């Protein structure tokens, strides 16, 4: 609830510790994967700390997600919830916008990720994925995470920026620059040539210049890519994006269009290799569909078991562990007062493992999402890997299409297994992935 300033003394601050001056508990938060769990065990489902330069409140569970993402949505800001590095490197894009400007720009971006646009993207996605899987089969053994990132970046680059598929050198260079930018998102902001942050700033400038050139090309030669759609897009009031706005939105889409998808598809491959009974059931569904017709968009809609598998990957291996928000209005939650100017972090991975919602939550079990069990429907906001409420991920349908095409072609035509003696513990920065990168042996045929 919202409270009057005069009454705030009636409520205590959440329990917890701010740690060291200035640094707070940032290093522990970054280095210790069990930081949040230890704090929750000590203080409960809401606690305070100080990380990334701000007093921060961790809020745990579906009820907290509902509070932050829906019922008290106006108390929180995306822009104020993320480190300054994000604003500097990703610009004033949709990701960091709030209120009316976010709603307006979201409407302008919507056509690029839904409906007719997705149908047009299908063949390009399929072609790139098919070629990539054939290359991997020829390699025989590979480290999957970096290879997957290269594939998803190519898809994003071709469909969002209009890069030519046969211009592999350009795509490789763009991918390298984007990797440098990503490393700067959580780096200390020291702008020196040899630091990750300094390299990220140079990579950002390079990418923005490239996007600017692509915008100029599209003015006289529209394609079936997102930049072309954004140049034409306007809302019911006739509002359009400026070229400067298209540049930063395109940069954001390039980031969002491959980072989380890479994580989820890598986790998909790991989970199915570790759960052969799930893999066999997924293969059976694909074989049944193969007997019906050629691989088409219509087939994608019939993949009910694959839907369940991808939901379970999202639940057990969410690409991002939590979501930051800045507090722009003070509030009380569970009897604790949280001041304006603090930030909150809702814990995605903890909600997804709540035993009050999910049966045997540590078990990889796609059947929990079948039409009889529907465990994620027991409680609102209990599956939030792609967010929830008004800020639900704009690119969700794009990501789902890409993941289903990849999973379908992989299951239909290839077999893979994990290489022994590798570190499968999970690193969460910049998105969830096995520390080994997931070493696999992959070959064609069943």
Protein backbone atom coordinates (compact mmCIF):
# COMPACT_ATOMS: atom_id res chain seq x y z
CA UNK A 1 0.00 0.00 0.00
CA UNK A 2 0.97 3.67 -0.37
CA UNK A 3 1.45 5.62 2.85
CA UNK A 4 1.55 9.23 3.96
CA UNK A 5 4.95 10.65 4.78
CA UNK A 6 3.77 11.49 8.32
CA UNK A 7 2.92 7.85 9.04
CA UNK A 8 6.08 6.22 7.73
CA UNK A 9 7.56 5.97 11.24
CA UNK A 10 4.81 3.49 12.12
CA UNK A 11 6.49 0.92 9.89
CA UNK A 12 10.06 -0.40 10.19
CA UNK A 13 12.46 -0.73 7.30
CA UNK A 14 12.91 -4.32 6.08
CA UNK A 15 15.46 -6.37 8.05
CA UNK A 16 18.96 -6.86 6.65
CA UNK A 17 22.36 -5.20 6.38
CA UNK A 18 23.80 -2.49 4.15
CA UNK A 19 27.34 -3.87 4.40
CA UNK A 20 30.42 -1.72 3.77
CA UNK A 21 30.32 2.04 3.05
CA UNK A 22 29.94 2.82 -0.67
CA UNK A 23 30.46 -0.76 -1.88
CA UNK A 24 27.72 -2.19 0.30
CA UNK A 25 27.40 -5.91 -0.42
CA UNK A 26 27.93 -5.65 -4.18
CA UNK A 27 30.88 -8.03 -4.37
CA UNK A 28 29.05 -10.74 -2.43
CA UNK A 29 25.97 -10.25 -4.62
CA UNK A 30 28.02 -10.69 -7.80
CA UNK A 31 30.33 -13.48 -6.66
CA UNK A 32 28.09 -15.62 -4.45
CA UNK A 33 25.29 -17.38 -6.40
CA UNK A 34 23.58 -18.14 -3.06
CA UNK A 35 23.66 -14.55 -1.81
CA UNK A 36 19.90 -14.11 -2.02
CA UNK A 37 19.06 -17.52 -0.60
CA UNK A 38 21.32 -16.99 2.42
CA UNK A 39 19.77 -13.59 3.10
CA UNK A 40 16.26 -14.95 2.71
CA UNK A 41 17.01 -17.81 5.14
CA UNK A 42 18.23 -15.26 7.68
CA UNK A 43 15.72 -12.42 7.23
CA UNK A 44 12.67 -13.78 5.39
CA UNK A 45 10.98 -13.02 2.08
CA UNK A 46 11.68 -9.27 2.18
CA UNK A 47 15.07 -7.89 3.22
CA UNK A 48 17.33 -4.93 2.60
CA UNK A 49 20.91 -4.68 1.39
CA UNK A 50 23.05 -2.22 -0.56
CA UNK A 51 24.21 -3.28 -4.03
CA UNK A 52 25.39 -1.44 -7.14
CA UNK A 53 25.46 1.83 -5.21
CA UNK A 54 21.88 1.84 -3.92
CA UNK A 55 19.86 0.67 -0.93
CA UNK A 56 18.00 -2.33 -2.32
CA UNK A 57 15.08 -4.43 -1.12
CA UNK A 58 14.77 -8.05 -2.24
CA UNK A 59 11.13 -9.17 -2.52
CA UNK A 60 10.48 -12.88 -2.96
CA UNK A 61 7.52 -14.83 -4.32
CA UNK A 62 4.54 -14.64 -6.65
CA UNK A 63 2.73 -12.20 -4.34
CA UNK A 64 5.69 -9.82 -4.49
CA UNK A 65 5.83 -10.17 -8.31
CA UNK A 66 2.13 -9.31 -8.48
CA UNK A 67 2.68 -6.27 -6.24
CA UNK A 68 5.59 -4.93 -8.30
CA UNK A 69 4.47 -5.86 -11.81
CA UNK A 70 0.76 -5.10 -11.55
CA UNK A 71 -1.10 -3.79 -8.50
CA UNK A 72 1.54 -1.16 -7.55
CA UNK A 73 3.07 -0.78 -10.98
CA UNK A 74 3.10 3.04 -10.72
CA UNK A 75 5.37 2.94 -7.66
CA UNK A 76 8.27 1.62 -9.71
CA UNK A 77 10.48 2.79 -12.56
CA UNK A 78 12.42 0.65 -15.03
CA UNK A 79 14.73 3.55 -15.81
CA UNK A 80 15.68 4.13 -12.18
CA UNK A 81 16.04 0.43 -11.46
CA UNK A 82 19.03 -0.40 -13.63
CA UNK A 83 22.67 0.66 -13.29
CA UNK A 84 23.80 3.80 -15.10
CA UNK A 85 25.82 1.58 -17.44
CA UNK A 86 22.58 0.36 -19.03
CA UNK A 87 21.39 3.89 -19.77
CA UNK A 88 24.78 4.88 -21.17
CA UNK A 89 25.31 1.80 -23.32
CA UNK A 90 21.76 1.01 -24.47
CA UNK A 91 20.51 4.61 -24.72
CA UNK A 92 17.00 5.96 -24.14
CA UNK A 93 15.38 2.84 -25.54
CA UNK A 94 12.13 1.10 -24.65
CA UNK A 95 13.88 -0.95 -21.97
CA UNK A 96 14.58 2.17 -19.90
CA UNK A 97 11.41 4.15 -20.57
CA UNK A 98 8.40 4.58 -18.29
CA UNK A 99 4.86 5.92 -18.43
CA UNK A 100 3.24 7.36 -21.52
CA UNK A 101 6.41 7.49 -23.60
CA UNK A 102 6.93 3.77 -23.01
CA UNK A 103 3.34 2.97 -23.96
CA UNK A 104 3.56 5.08 -27.12
CA UNK A 105 6.85 3.55 -28.26
CA UNK A 106 5.70 0.05 -27.39
CA UNK A 107 2.71 0.50 -29.71
CA UNK A 108 5.04 1.67 -32.48
CA UNK A 109 7.32 -1.36 -32.01
CA UNK A 110 4.54 -3.93 -31.70
CA UNK A 111 4.05 -4.64 -35.45
CA UNK A 112 7.70 -5.69 -35.81
CA UNK A 113 7.24 -8.62 -33.41
CA UNK A 114 3.77 -9.97 -34.05
CA UNK A 115 1.36 -11.17 -36.71
CA UNK A 116 2.41 -10.75 -40.32
CA UNK A 117 5.99 -9.87 -39.40
CA UNK A 118 6.53 -13.23 -37.66
CA UNK A 119 5.23 -15.09 -40.70
CA UNK A 120 7.77 -13.25 -42.83
CA UNK A 121 10.58 -14.08 -40.41
CA UNK A 122 9.87 -17.83 -40.42
CA UNK A 123 11.79 -18.87 -43.54
CA UNK A 124 14.86 -16.77 -42.69
CA UNK A 125 15.02 -18.20 -39.17
CA UNK A 126 14.63 -21.71 -40.53
CA UNK A 127 17.35 -21.23 -43.16
CA UNK A 128 19.92 -19.86 -40.69
CA UNK A 129 19.16 -22.51 -38.06
CA UNK A 130 19.25 -25.35 -40.58
CA UNK A 131 22.62 -24.20 -41.95
CA UNK A 132 24.01 -23.78 -38.43
CA UNK A 133 22.96 -27.28 -37.31
CA UNK A 134 24.59 -28.80 -40.39
CA UNK A 135 27.80 -26.93 -39.59
CA UNK A 136 27.72 -28.18 -36.00
CA UNK A 137 27.21 -31.77 -37.15
CA UNK A 138 30.29 -31.44 -39.38
CA UNK A 139 32.26 -30.11 -36.41
CA UNK A 140 31.19 -33.12 -34.35
CA UNK A 141 32.29 -31.69 -31.02
CA UNK A 142 31.73 -28.10 -29.97
CA UNK A 143 31.20 -25.72 -27.07
CA UNK A 144 27.56 -24.85 -27.51
CA UNK A 145 27.02 -21.53 -25.73
CA UNK A 146 29.32 -19.36 -27.90
CA UNK A 147 28.19 -21.17 -31.06
CA UNK A 148 24.55 -20.63 -30.07
CA UNK A 149 25.21 -16.95 -29.45
CA UNK A 150 26.70 -16.63 -32.93
CA UNK A 151 23.58 -18.23 -34.46
CA UNK A 152 21.05 -16.15 -32.51
CA UNK A 153 23.02 -12.99 -33.23
CA UNK A 154 22.97 -13.75 -36.95
CA UNK A 155 19.19 -14.18 -36.82
CA UNK A 156 18.80 -10.91 -34.92
CA UNK A 157 21.22 -9.09 -37.21
CA UNK A 158 19.54 -10.29 -40.42
CA UNK A 159 15.92 -9.81 -39.30
CA UNK A 160 16.29 -6.72 -37.15
CA UNK A 161 19.04 -4.82 -38.94
CA UNK A 162 18.73 -6.25 -42.45
CA UNK A 163 22.26 -7.68 -42.62
CA UNK A 164 22.90 -9.93 -45.59
CA UNK A 165 23.09 -13.62 -44.68
CA UNK A 166 26.05 -14.25 -46.96
CA UNK A 167 28.05 -11.36 -45.45
CA UNK A 168 29.48 -13.52 -42.69
CA UNK A 169 32.45 -11.25 -41.98
CA UNK A 170 30.21 -8.29 -41.24
CA UNK A 171 27.95 -10.35 -38.97
CA UNK A 172 30.98 -11.76 -37.16
CA UNK A 173 32.35 -8.25 -36.58
CA UNK A 174 28.97 -7.00 -35.30
CA UNK A 175 28.74 -9.98 -32.97
CA UNK A 176 32.22 -9.27 -31.62
CA UNK A 177 31.35 -5.61 -30.99
CA UNK A 178 28.13 -6.57 -29.29
CA UNK A 179 30.01 -8.96 -27.04
CA UNK A 180 32.26 -6.05 -26.02
CA UNK A 181 29.20 -3.88 -25.31
CA UNK A 182 27.57 -6.59 -23.19
CA UNK A 183 30.67 -6.99 -21.01
CA UNK A 184 30.37 -3.31 -20.09
CA UNK A 185 26.84 -3.53 -18.72
CA UNK A 186 27.94 -4.78 -15.30
CA UNK A 187 31.52 -3.40 -15.36
CA UNK A 188 32.84 -0.65 -13.13
CA UNK A 189 32.36 2.58 -15.17
CA UNK A 190 36.02 3.45 -15.70
CA UNK A 191 36.31 4.93 -19.20
CA UNK A 192 39.82 3.85 -20.07
CA UNK A 193 40.85 2.16 -23.36
CA UNK A 194 41.83 -1.12 -21.67
CA UNK A 195 38.79 -1.50 -19.37
CA UNK A 196 35.64 -3.46 -20.25
CA UNK A 197 33.64 -0.26 -19.87
CA UNK A 198 35.91 1.74 -22.16
CA UNK A 199 35.77 -0.99 -24.79
CA UNK A 200 31.98 -1.15 -24.41
CA UNK A 201 31.63 2.58 -25.14
CA UNK A 202 33.66 2.23 -28.33
CA UNK A 203 31.63 -0.82 -29.36
CA UNK A 204 28.38 1.10 -28.74
CA UNK A 205 29.53 3.94 -31.00
CA UNK A 206 30.55 1.47 -33.71
CA UNK A 207 27.17 -0.29 -33.59
CA UNK A 208 25.19 2.96 -33.63
CA UNK A 209 27.15 4.14 -36.67
CA UNK A 210 26.41 0.83 -38.40
CA UNK A 211 22.68 1.13 -37.61
CA UNK A 212 22.68 4.72 -38.89
CA UNK A 213 24.10 3.51 -42.22
CA UNK A 214 21.41 0.81 -42.42
CA UNK A 215 18.70 3.39 -41.79
CA UNK A 216 20.01 5.49 -44.69
CA UNK A 217 19.96 2.44 -46.97
CA UNK A 218 16.34 1.61 -46.04
CA UNK A 219 15.02 5.05 -46.91
CA UNK A 220 15.17 4.16 -50.59
CA UNK A 221 15.12 0.37 -50.33
CA UNK A 222 12.70 -1.00 -47.75
CA UNK A 223 13.10 -4.67 -46.80
CA UNK A 224 11.28 -7.19 -44.64
CA UNK A 225 13.33 -6.30 -41.58
CA UNK A 226 12.59 -4.38 -38.39
CA UNK A 227 14.37 -1.16 -39.37
CA UNK A 228 12.16 -0.96 -42.46
CA UNK A 229 9.07 -1.56 -40.32
CA UNK A 230 10.10 1.11 -37.83
CA UNK A 231 10.65 3.65 -40.60
CA UNK A 232 7.05 3.04 -41.71
CA UNK A 233 5.43 2.53 -38.31
CA UNK A 234 3.00 5.06 -36.89
CA UNK A 235 0.34 4.88 -34.20
CA UNK A 236 -3.34 5.88 -34.36
CA UNK A 237 -2.36 9.51 -33.65
CA UNK A 238 0.18 9.60 -36.46
CA UNK A 239 3.25 9.52 -34.20
CA UNK A 240 6.41 8.10 -35.76
CA UNK A 241 9.93 7.31 -34.59
CA UNK A 242 12.68 9.80 -35.32
CA UNK A 243 15.90 8.37 -36.82
CA UNK A 244 17.65 8.90 -33.48
CA UNK A 245 14.94 6.87 -31.74
CA UNK A 246 15.17 4.09 -34.32
CA UNK A 247 18.92 3.84 -33.68
CA UNK A 248 18.57 3.23 -29.94
CA UNK A 249 15.52 0.97 -30.30
CA UNK A 250 17.41 -1.13 -32.87
CA UNK A 251 20.39 -1.40 -30.53
CA UNK A 252 18.09 -2.60 -27.73
CA UNK A 253 16.38 -5.13 -30.00
CA UNK A 254 19.74 -6.49 -31.08
CA UNK A 255 20.60 -7.02 -27.40
CA UNK A 256 17.23 -8.44 -26.36
CA UNK A 257 16.86 -10.41 -29.58
CA UNK A 258 19.67 -12.83 -28.92
CA UNK A 259 20.98 -12.75 -25.35
CA UNK A 260 18.10 -14.46 -23.52
CA UNK A 261 17.33 -16.77 -26.45
CA UNK A 262 20.92 -18.01 -26.41
CA UNK A 263 20.62 -18.79 -22.72
CA UNK A 264 17.32 -20.63 -23.03
CA UNK A 265 18.35 -22.74 -26.01
CA UNK A 266 21.62 -23.72 -24.33
CA UNK A 267 19.66 -24.76 -21.22
CA UNK A 268 17.20 -26.63 -23.44
CA UNK A 269 20.02 -28.71 -24.93
CA UNK A 270 21.52 -29.39 -21.52
CA UNK A 271 18.20 -30.33 -19.90
CA UNK A 272 17.11 -32.71 -22.66
CA UNK A 273 20.51 -34.41 -22.73
CA UNK A 274 20.15 -34.96 -18.98
CA UNK A 275 16.52 -36.13 -19.25
CA UNK A 276 16.36 -38.70 -22.09
CA UNK A 277 12.72 -39.63 -21.40
CA UNK A 278 11.70 -36.01 -22.02
CA UNK A 279 13.80 -35.88 -25.17
CA UNK A 280 12.22 -39.07 -26.54
CA UNK A 281 8.71 -37.73 -25.95
CA UNK A 282 9.65 -34.47 -27.68
CA UNK A 283 11.09 -36.44 -30.62
CA UNK A 284 7.89 -38.49 -30.88
CA UNK A 285 5.80 -35.32 -31.17
CA UNK A 286 8.08 -34.07 -33.96
CA UNK A 287 7.89 -37.39 -35.82
CA UNK A 288 4.09 -37.28 -35.68
CA UNK A 289 4.09 -33.78 -37.14
CA UNK A 290 6.61 -34.77 -39.83
CA UNK A 291 4.17 -37.43 -41.03
CA UNK A 292 1.44 -34.82 -41.45
CA UNK A 293 3.09 -32.19 -43.66
CA UNK A 294 6.17 -30.11 -44.39
CA UNK A 295 7.62 -27.96 -41.64
CA UNK A 296 5.47 -24.81 -41.60
CA UNK A 297 4.22 -22.05 -39.31
CA UNK A 298 1.02 -24.06 -38.88
CA UNK A 299 3.01 -26.96 -37.44
CA UNK A 300 4.56 -24.65 -34.86
CA UNK A 301 1.10 -24.08 -33.37
CA UNK A 302 0.60 -27.84 -32.86
CA UNK A 303 3.73 -28.42 -30.77
CA UNK A 304 1.97 -28.66 -27.40
CA UNK A 305 4.58 -30.83 -25.70
CA UNK A 306 7.41 -28.64 -26.94
CA UNK A 307 5.50 -25.71 -25.44
CA UNK A 308 5.57 -27.50 -22.09
CA UNK A 309 9.29 -28.26 -22.40
CA UNK A 310 10.16 -24.62 -23.14
CA UNK A 311 8.03 -23.45 -20.21
CA UNK A 312 9.93 -25.85 -17.97
CA UNK A 313 13.24 -24.52 -19.30
CA UNK A 314 12.03 -20.99 -18.55
CA UNK A 315 10.96 -22.06 -15.05
CA UNK A 316 14.06 -24.00 -14.01
CA UNK A 317 16.65 -22.03 -16.01
CA UNK A 318 15.39 -18.43 -16.33
CA UNK A 319 17.98 -16.44 -18.34
CA UNK A 320 17.81 -13.57 -15.86
CA UNK A 321 17.57 -14.28 -12.11
CA UNK A 322 15.62 -11.17 -11.16
CA UNK A 323 14.30 -7.79 -12.19
CA UNK A 324 15.38 -4.40 -10.83
CA UNK A 325 12.98 -1.48 -10.36
CA UNK A 326 13.55 1.98 -8.92
CA UNK A 327 11.12 3.10 -6.20
CA UNK A 328 9.46 6.37 -7.26
CA UNK A 329 6.72 6.27 -4.60
CA UNK A 330 7.26 4.98 -1.04
CA UNK A 331 5.21 1.94 -0.07
CA UNK A 332 4.55 -0.61 2.63
CA UNK A 333 4.76 -4.34 1.89
CA UNK A 334 4.18 -7.06 4.50
CA UNK A 335 4.44 -4.45 7.24
CA UNK A 336 7.74 -2.94 6.08
CA UNK A 337 8.32 0.57 4.77
CA UNK A 338 10.38 1.09 1.59
CA UNK A 339 11.40 4.71 0.85
CA UNK A 340 11.42 6.53 -2.46
CA UNK A 341 14.87 6.47 -4.09
CA UNK A 342 15.63 2.87 -3.11
CA UNK A 343 15.43 0.03 -5.60
CA UNK A 344 13.72 -3.34 -5.44
CA UNK A 345 14.72 -6.67 -6.91
CA UNK A 346 12.04 -9.31 -7.51
CA UNK A 347 13.56 -12.80 -7.55
CA UNK A 348 12.49 -14.75 -10.61
CA UNK A 349 14.42 -17.93 -9.93
CA UNK A 350 13.11 -18.24 -6.35
CA UNK A 351 9.49 -17.88 -7.42
CA UNK A 352 10.04 -20.58 -10.03
CA UNK A 353 11.22 -22.99 -7.35
CA UNK A 354 8.51 -22.30 -4.80
CA UNK A 355 7.29 -25.69 -3.47
CA UNK A 356 3.92 -24.12 -2.64
CA UNK A 357 3.39 -23.64 -6.38
CA UNK A 358 5.48 -26.29 -8.13
CA UNK A 359 5.56 -30.00 -7.25
CA UNK A 360 9.14 -31.20 -6.73
CA UNK A 361 10.43 -27.83 -7.93
CA UNK A 362 14.02 -28.97 -8.53
CA UNK A 363 12.88 -31.69 -10.93
CA UNK A 364 12.78 -31.06 -14.70
CA UNK A 365 9.17 -32.01 -15.38
CA UNK A 366 7.39 -30.52 -18.43
CA UNK A 367 4.21 -32.39 -17.46
CA UNK A 368 3.59 -29.79 -14.75
CA UNK A 369 2.40 -27.54 -17.60
CA UNK A 370 0.00 -30.03 -19.23
CA UNK A 371 -3.71 -29.25 -19.45
CA UNK A 372 -4.52 -31.31 -16.36
CA UNK A 373 -1.91 -29.91 -13.94
CA UNK A 374 -1.24 -26.33 -15.12
CA UNK A 375 0.79 -25.62 -12.00
CA UNK A 376 1.73 -22.11 -13.11
CA UNK A 377 -1.96 -21.17 -13.12
CA UNK A 378 -2.39 -21.86 -9.40
CA UNK A 379 -1.02 -18.42 -8.54
CA UNK A 380 -0.73 -15.32 -10.69
CA UNK A 381 2.80 -14.19 -11.57
CA UNK A 382 4.37 -17.54 -10.70
CA UNK A 383 6.11 -17.89 -14.10
CA UNK A 384 7.84 -14.61 -14.89
CA UNK A 385 10.93 -15.45 -16.92
CA UNK A 386 9.67 -13.00 -19.58
CA UNK A 387 8.21 -10.53 -17.09
CA UNK A 388 4.55 -9.89 -16.47
CA UNK A 389 1.78 -7.32 -16.53
CA UNK A 390 2.00 -4.26 -18.78
CA UNK A 391 5.76 -4.75 -19.29
CA UNK A 392 5.57 -8.37 -20.46
CA UNK A 393 8.39 -9.00 -22.95
CA UNK A 394 7.55 -7.39 -26.31
CA UNK A 395 9.72 -9.89 -28.18
CA UNK A 396 8.23 -13.01 -26.55
CA UNK A 397 6.52 -14.27 -29.72
CA UNK A 398 9.70 -13.64 -31.76
CA UNK A 399 11.77 -15.61 -29.23
CA UNK A 400 9.24 -18.44 -29.03
CA UNK A 401 9.20 -18.83 -32.80
CA UNK A 402 12.99 -18.92 -32.99
CA UNK A 403 13.28 -21.42 -30.14
CA UNK A 404 10.62 -23.73 -31.57
CA UNK A 405 12.21 -23.77 -35.02
CA UNK A 406 15.60 -24.58 -33.51
CA UNK A 407 14.22 -27.25 -31.17
CA UNK A 408 12.14 -28.85 -33.93
CA UNK A 409 14.99 -29.12 -36.43
CA UNK A 410 17.38 -30.37 -33.74
CA UNK A 411 14.97 -33.06 -32.49
CA UNK A 412 14.00 -34.20 -36.00
CA UNK A 413 17.45 -34.49 -37.53
CA UNK A 414 20.20 -34.69 -34.90
CA UNK A 415 21.37 -36.40 -31.76
CA UNK A 416 23.58 -34.80 -29.11
CA UNK A 417 25.16 -35.76 -25.84
CA UNK A 418 27.13 -33.95 -23.17
CA UNK A 419 30.88 -34.39 -23.07
CA UNK A 420 32.19 -35.77 -19.75
CA UNK A 421 34.29 -33.93 -17.18
CA UNK A 422 32.91 -30.43 -17.62
CA UNK A 423 31.68 -27.78 -15.19
CA UNK A 424 27.89 -27.58 -15.53
CA UNK A 425 27.46 -25.18 -12.62
CA UNK A 426 25.68 -22.04 -13.77
CA UNK A 427 27.00 -18.52 -14.21
CA UNK A 428 24.33 -15.78 -14.32
CA UNK A 429 26.26 -12.93 -15.97
CA UNK A 430 25.38 -11.63 -18.50
CA UNK A 431 22.69 -14.36 -18.77
CA UNK A 432 22.44 -17.88 -17.37
CA UNK A 433 24.84 -20.43 -18.90
CA UNK A 434 26.99 -23.39 -17.81
CA UNK A 435 30.50 -22.31 -16.85
CA UNK A 436 31.93 -24.85 -19.29
CA UNK A 437 29.94 -23.30 -22.12
CA UNK A 438 28.25 -26.72 -22.53
CA UNK A 439 30.57 -29.05 -24.42
CA UNK A 440 28.59 -31.46 -26.62
CA UNK A 441 29.05 -34.09 -29.30
CA UNK A 442 26.45 -33.60 -32.03
CA UNK A 443 25.81 -35.67 -35.13
CA UNK A 444 23.08 -36.04 -37.75
CA UNK A 445 20.57 -38.90 -37.74
CA UNK A 446 18.54 -40.45 -34.96
